[in-house]
Amino acid sequence: MQNARPPSPISTQRQDTGSDSLARAEVSIALGSPKEAEIFSRAMSVDNKPGSKSSSVVKANGETLHMSFRAVDSSSLRAVMNSVLREVKIANQMLI
């Protein structure tokens, strides 16, 4: 008999880029409350510079934090995702 694992609070979604040459990813993280999600959203809002290889958008929806990432290639996509997710981890540790 195997122990059932609780569902992960993190979900990811891969998007086909079609004719668009950008690499894209979306990540959603379930947080404890809508207020917490809004705090994270404001803290994670970054200034996407023109000409940058990547961009990110972070929004709160209820108690879920939704993050969308776009980049010119998979290496840049991984870098922007790691950067933003590291900030989420640090913010979460500060709330504990």
N, C-alpha and C. Protein backbone atom coordinates (compact mmCIF):
# COMPACT_ATOMS: atom_id res chain seq x y z
N MET A 1 0.85 -1.18 0.00
CA MET A 1 0.00 0.00 0.00
C MET A 1 0.89 1.24 0.00
N GLN A 2 0.68 2.11 -0.96
CA GLN A 2 1.47 3.32 -1.06
C GLN A 2 0.75 4.48 -0.39
N ASN A 3 1.54 5.35 0.21
CA ASN A 3 0.97 6.54 0.82
C ASN A 3 0.65 7.55 -0.27
N ALA A 4 -0.52 8.12 -0.22
CA ALA A 4 -0.90 9.15 -1.19
C ALA A 4 -0.18 10.44 -0.84
N ARG A 5 0.43 11.04 -1.85
CA ARG A 5 1.11 12.31 -1.65
C ARG A 5 0.13 13.45 -1.86
N PRO A 6 0.22 14.49 -1.05
CA PRO A 6 -0.66 15.64 -1.26
C PRO A 6 -0.31 16.32 -2.58
N PRO A 7 -1.28 17.00 -3.20
CA PRO A 7 -0.98 17.69 -4.46
C PRO A 7 0.04 18.80 -4.25
N SER A 8 0.87 19.00 -5.24
CA SER A 8 1.89 20.04 -5.17
C SER A 8 1.24 21.41 -5.25
N PRO A 9 1.73 22.39 -4.48
CA PRO A 9 1.17 23.74 -4.58
C PRO A 9 1.68 24.46 -5.82
N ILE A 10 2.60 23.84 -6.56
CA ILE A 10 3.16 24.46 -7.75
C ILE A 10 2.69 23.70 -8.98
N SER A 11 2.20 24.43 -9.96
CA SER A 11 1.85 23.79 -11.23
C SER A 11 2.54 24.55 -12.35
N THR A 12 2.91 23.83 -13.38
CA THR A 12 3.58 24.45 -14.52
C THR A 12 2.81 24.11 -15.78
N GLN A 13 2.98 24.93 -16.77
CA GLN A 13 2.32 24.70 -18.05
C GLN A 13 3.28 25.09 -19.15
N ARG A 14 3.49 24.18 -20.11
CA ARG A 14 4.35 24.46 -21.24
C ARG A 14 3.47 24.93 -22.39
N GLN A 15 3.91 25.97 -23.06
CA GLN A 15 3.15 26.48 -24.20
C GLN A 15 3.95 26.27 -25.47
N ASP A 16 3.29 25.78 -26.51
CA ASP A 16 3.93 25.69 -27.81
C ASP A 16 4.07 27.10 -28.35
N THR A 17 5.23 27.38 -28.92
CA THR A 17 5.47 28.72 -29.42
C THR A 17 4.96 28.92 -30.83
N GLY A 18 4.62 27.84 -31.53
CA GLY A 18 4.12 27.97 -32.90
C GLY A 18 5.15 28.67 -33.77
N SER A 19 4.72 29.66 -34.50
CA SER A 19 5.65 30.38 -35.36
C SER A 19 6.44 31.43 -34.59
N ASP A 20 6.02 31.73 -33.37
CA ASP A 20 6.71 32.69 -32.52
C ASP A 20 8.03 32.07 -32.05
N SER A 21 9.11 32.81 -32.14
CA SER A 21 10.41 32.25 -31.79
C SER A 21 10.76 32.39 -30.31
N LEU A 22 9.83 32.85 -29.48
CA LEU A 22 10.10 33.03 -28.07
C LEU A 22 9.85 31.74 -27.29
N ALA A 23 10.69 31.49 -26.29
CA ALA A 23 10.45 30.40 -25.34
C ALA A 23 9.54 30.97 -24.26
N ARG A 24 8.55 30.18 -23.82
CA ARG A 24 7.58 30.66 -22.84
C ARG A 24 7.34 29.60 -21.77
N ALA A 25 6.97 30.07 -20.59
CA ALA A 25 6.58 29.17 -19.51
C ALA A 25 5.65 29.91 -18.57
N GLU A 26 4.79 29.15 -17.90
CA GLU A 26 3.91 29.70 -16.88
C GLU A 26 4.01 28.84 -15.64
N VAL A 27 4.02 29.49 -14.49
CA VAL A 27 4.08 28.80 -13.21
C VAL A 27 3.02 29.40 -12.30
N SER A 28 2.28 28.55 -11.61
CA SER A 28 1.29 29.00 -10.63
C SER A 28 1.63 28.38 -9.28
N ILE A 29 1.60 29.19 -8.24
CA ILE A 29 1.91 28.71 -6.89
C ILE A 29 0.74 29.07 -5.97
N ALA A 30 0.20 28.06 -5.31
CA ALA A 30 -0.87 28.28 -4.35
C ALA A 30 -0.25 28.76 -3.04
N LEU A 31 -0.71 29.92 -2.56
CA LEU A 31 -0.20 30.47 -1.31
C LEU A 31 -1.29 30.37 -0.25
N GLY A 32 -1.01 30.88 0.94
CA GLY A 32 -1.92 30.71 2.06
C GLY A 32 -3.16 31.57 2.05
N SER A 33 -3.08 32.76 1.40
CA SER A 33 -4.23 33.66 1.42
C SER A 33 -4.13 34.64 0.25
N PRO A 34 -5.26 35.27 -0.11
CA PRO A 34 -5.22 36.28 -1.16
C PRO A 34 -4.30 37.45 -0.81
N LYS A 35 -4.27 37.83 0.47
CA LYS A 35 -3.41 38.93 0.90
C LYS A 35 -1.94 38.58 0.68
N GLU A 36 -1.57 37.34 1.00
CA GLU A 36 -0.20 36.88 0.80
C GLU A 36 0.16 36.89 -0.69
N ALA A 37 -0.76 36.43 -1.53
CA ALA A 37 -0.51 36.43 -2.98
C ALA A 37 -0.32 37.85 -3.50
N GLU A 38 -1.12 38.79 -3.00
CA GLU A 38 -1.00 40.18 -3.43
C GLU A 38 0.35 40.78 -3.00
N ILE A 39 0.79 40.46 -1.78
CA ILE A 39 2.09 40.94 -1.29
C ILE A 39 3.20 40.40 -2.18
N PHE A 40 3.15 39.11 -2.50
CA PHE A 40 4.16 38.50 -3.37
C PHE A 40 4.13 39.16 -4.74
N SER A 41 2.93 39.39 -5.27
CA SER A 41 2.79 39.98 -6.60
C SER A 41 3.45 41.35 -6.66
N ARG A 42 3.18 42.16 -5.67
CA ARG A 42 3.79 43.50 -5.63
C ARG A 42 5.30 43.43 -5.46
N ALA A 43 5.75 42.52 -4.62
CA ALA A 43 7.18 42.39 -4.38
C ALA A 43 7.92 41.85 -5.60
N MET A 44 7.25 41.02 -6.39
CA MET A 44 7.90 40.39 -7.53
C MET A 44 7.75 41.18 -8.82
N SER A 45 6.97 42.25 -8.81
CA SER A 45 6.81 43.01 -10.04
C SER A 45 8.16 43.61 -10.39
N VAL A 46 8.63 43.22 -11.55
CA VAL A 46 9.97 43.65 -11.98
C VAL A 46 9.85 44.61 -13.13
N ASP A 47 10.89 45.39 -13.28
CA ASP A 47 10.95 46.33 -14.39
C ASP A 47 11.61 45.62 -15.57
N ASN A 48 10.79 45.24 -16.56
CA ASN A 48 11.32 44.58 -17.75
C ASN A 48 11.90 45.63 -18.68
N LYS A 49 13.21 45.58 -18.83
CA LYS A 49 13.91 46.59 -19.62
C LYS A 49 13.77 46.31 -21.12
N PRO A 50 13.56 47.36 -21.91
CA PRO A 50 13.52 47.18 -23.36
C PRO A 50 14.86 46.61 -23.86
N GLY A 51 14.79 45.69 -24.80
CA GLY A 51 16.01 45.09 -25.33
C GLY A 51 16.51 43.92 -24.52
N SER A 52 15.84 43.62 -23.41
CA SER A 52 16.25 42.50 -22.57
C SER A 52 15.94 41.19 -23.29
N LYS A 53 16.71 40.15 -22.97
CA LYS A 53 16.49 38.83 -23.58
C LYS A 53 15.27 38.13 -23.01
N SER A 54 14.76 38.60 -21.87
CA SER A 54 13.65 37.92 -21.22
C SER A 54 12.73 38.91 -20.51
N SER A 55 11.54 38.43 -20.18
CA SER A 55 10.60 39.25 -19.42
C SER A 55 9.75 38.32 -18.56
N SER A 56 9.17 38.91 -17.52
CA SER A 56 8.29 38.14 -16.64
C SER A 56 7.13 39.02 -16.19
N VAL A 57 6.00 38.36 -15.95
CA VAL A 57 4.82 39.04 -15.43
C VAL A 57 4.34 38.22 -14.25
N VAL A 58 4.13 38.87 -13.11
CA VAL A 58 3.67 38.19 -11.90
C VAL A 58 2.35 38.83 -11.48
N LYS A 59 1.32 38.00 -11.32
CA LYS A 59 -0.01 38.50 -10.94
C LYS A 59 -0.60 37.61 -9.85
N ALA A 60 -1.39 38.23 -8.99
CA ALA A 60 -2.12 37.49 -7.96
C ALA A 60 -3.54 37.27 -8.45
N ASN A 61 -4.06 36.08 -8.19
CA ASN A 61 -5.45 35.75 -8.49
C ASN A 61 -5.96 34.94 -7.32
N GLY A 62 -6.67 35.61 -6.42
CA GLY A 62 -7.09 34.93 -5.20
C GLY A 62 -5.85 34.60 -4.39
N GLU A 63 -5.74 33.36 -3.94
CA GLU A 63 -4.56 32.98 -3.17
C GLU A 63 -3.49 32.30 -4.04
N THR A 64 -3.61 32.48 -5.36
CA THR A 64 -2.65 31.89 -6.30
C THR A 64 -1.80 32.97 -6.94
N LEU A 65 -0.51 32.71 -7.02
CA LEU A 65 0.43 33.60 -7.67
C LEU A 65 0.73 33.02 -9.05
N HIS A 66 0.43 33.77 -10.10
CA HIS A 66 0.65 33.33 -11.48
C HIS A 66 1.85 34.09 -12.05
N MET A 67 2.77 33.34 -12.64
CA MET A 67 3.95 33.95 -13.24
C MET A 67 4.07 33.49 -14.68
N SER A 68 4.26 34.43 -15.59
CA SER A 68 4.46 34.14 -17.01
C SER A 68 5.85 34.62 -17.39
N PHE A 69 6.56 33.79 -18.11
CA PHE A 69 7.93 34.10 -18.52
C PHE A 69 8.05 33.98 -20.03
N ARG A 70 8.83 34.89 -20.64
CA ARG A 70 9.13 34.84 -22.07
C ARG A 70 10.61 35.16 -22.24
N ALA A 71 11.23 34.49 -23.20
CA ALA A 71 12.65 34.74 -23.46
C ALA A 71 12.99 34.38 -24.90
N VAL A 72 14.12 34.86 -25.36
CA VAL A 72 14.52 34.61 -26.74
C VAL A 72 15.00 33.18 -26.96
N ASP A 73 15.43 32.51 -25.88
CA ASP A 73 15.87 31.12 -25.99
C ASP A 73 15.69 30.42 -24.65
N SER A 74 15.90 29.10 -24.65
CA SER A 74 15.65 28.33 -23.43
C SER A 74 16.62 28.68 -22.30
N SER A 75 17.85 29.03 -22.62
CA SER A 75 18.80 29.41 -21.56
C SER A 75 18.36 30.70 -20.87
N SER A 76 17.91 31.66 -21.63
CA SER A 76 17.43 32.92 -21.05
C SER A 76 16.14 32.69 -20.27
N LEU A 77 15.30 31.78 -20.78
CA LEU A 77 14.06 31.45 -20.06
C LEU A 77 14.39 30.84 -18.71
N ARG A 78 15.30 29.89 -18.69
CA ARG A 78 15.70 29.27 -17.42
C ARG A 78 16.26 30.30 -16.46
N ALA A 79 17.07 31.23 -16.96
CA ALA A 79 17.68 32.25 -16.10
C ALA A 79 16.63 33.15 -15.46
N VAL A 80 15.66 33.63 -16.26
CA VAL A 80 14.64 34.52 -15.69
C VAL A 80 13.74 33.76 -14.72
N MET A 81 13.43 32.51 -15.03
CA MET A 81 12.61 31.71 -14.11
C MET A 81 13.34 31.49 -12.79
N ASN A 82 14.62 31.11 -12.87
CA ASN A 82 15.40 30.90 -11.65
C ASN A 82 15.46 32.16 -10.80
N SER A 83 15.64 33.29 -11.44
CA SER A 83 15.75 34.56 -10.72
C SER A 83 14.45 34.89 -9.97
N VAL A 84 13.33 34.83 -10.68
CA VAL A 84 12.05 35.18 -10.06
C VAL A 84 11.65 34.15 -9.00
N LEU A 85 11.82 32.87 -9.30
CA LEU A 85 11.46 31.84 -8.32
C LEU A 85 12.34 31.89 -7.08
N ARG A 86 13.60 32.30 -7.24
CA ARG A 86 14.47 32.48 -6.08
C ARG A 86 13.95 33.61 -5.21
N GLU A 87 13.47 34.69 -5.84
CA GLU A 87 12.89 35.81 -5.08
C GLU A 87 11.63 35.37 -4.34
N VAL A 88 10.82 34.54 -4.97
CA VAL A 88 9.61 34.02 -4.31
C VAL A 88 10.01 33.19 -3.10
N LYS A 89 11.02 32.36 -3.26
CA LYS A 89 11.49 31.52 -2.14
C LYS A 89 11.97 32.38 -0.98
N ILE A 90 12.74 33.42 -1.27
CA ILE A 90 13.27 34.30 -0.23
C ILE A 90 12.12 35.03 0.47
N ALA A 91 11.17 35.55 -0.33
CA ALA A 91 10.02 36.25 0.27
C ALA A 91 9.21 35.31 1.16
N ASN A 92 9.05 34.08 0.72
CA ASN A 92 8.31 33.09 1.50
C ASN A 92 9.04 32.81 2.82
N GLN A 93 10.35 32.69 2.79
CA GLN A 93 11.13 32.44 4.01
C GLN A 93 11.02 33.61 4.98
N MET A 94 10.89 34.80 4.44
CA MET A 94 10.77 35.99 5.31
C MET A 94 9.42 36.03 6.01
N LEU A 95 8.39 35.42 5.41
CA LEU A 95 7.06 35.41 6.02
C LEU A 95 6.89 34.33 7.07
N ILE A 96 7.78 33.34 7.05
CA ILE A 96 7.65 32.23 8.00
C ILE A 96 8.03 32.66 9.39
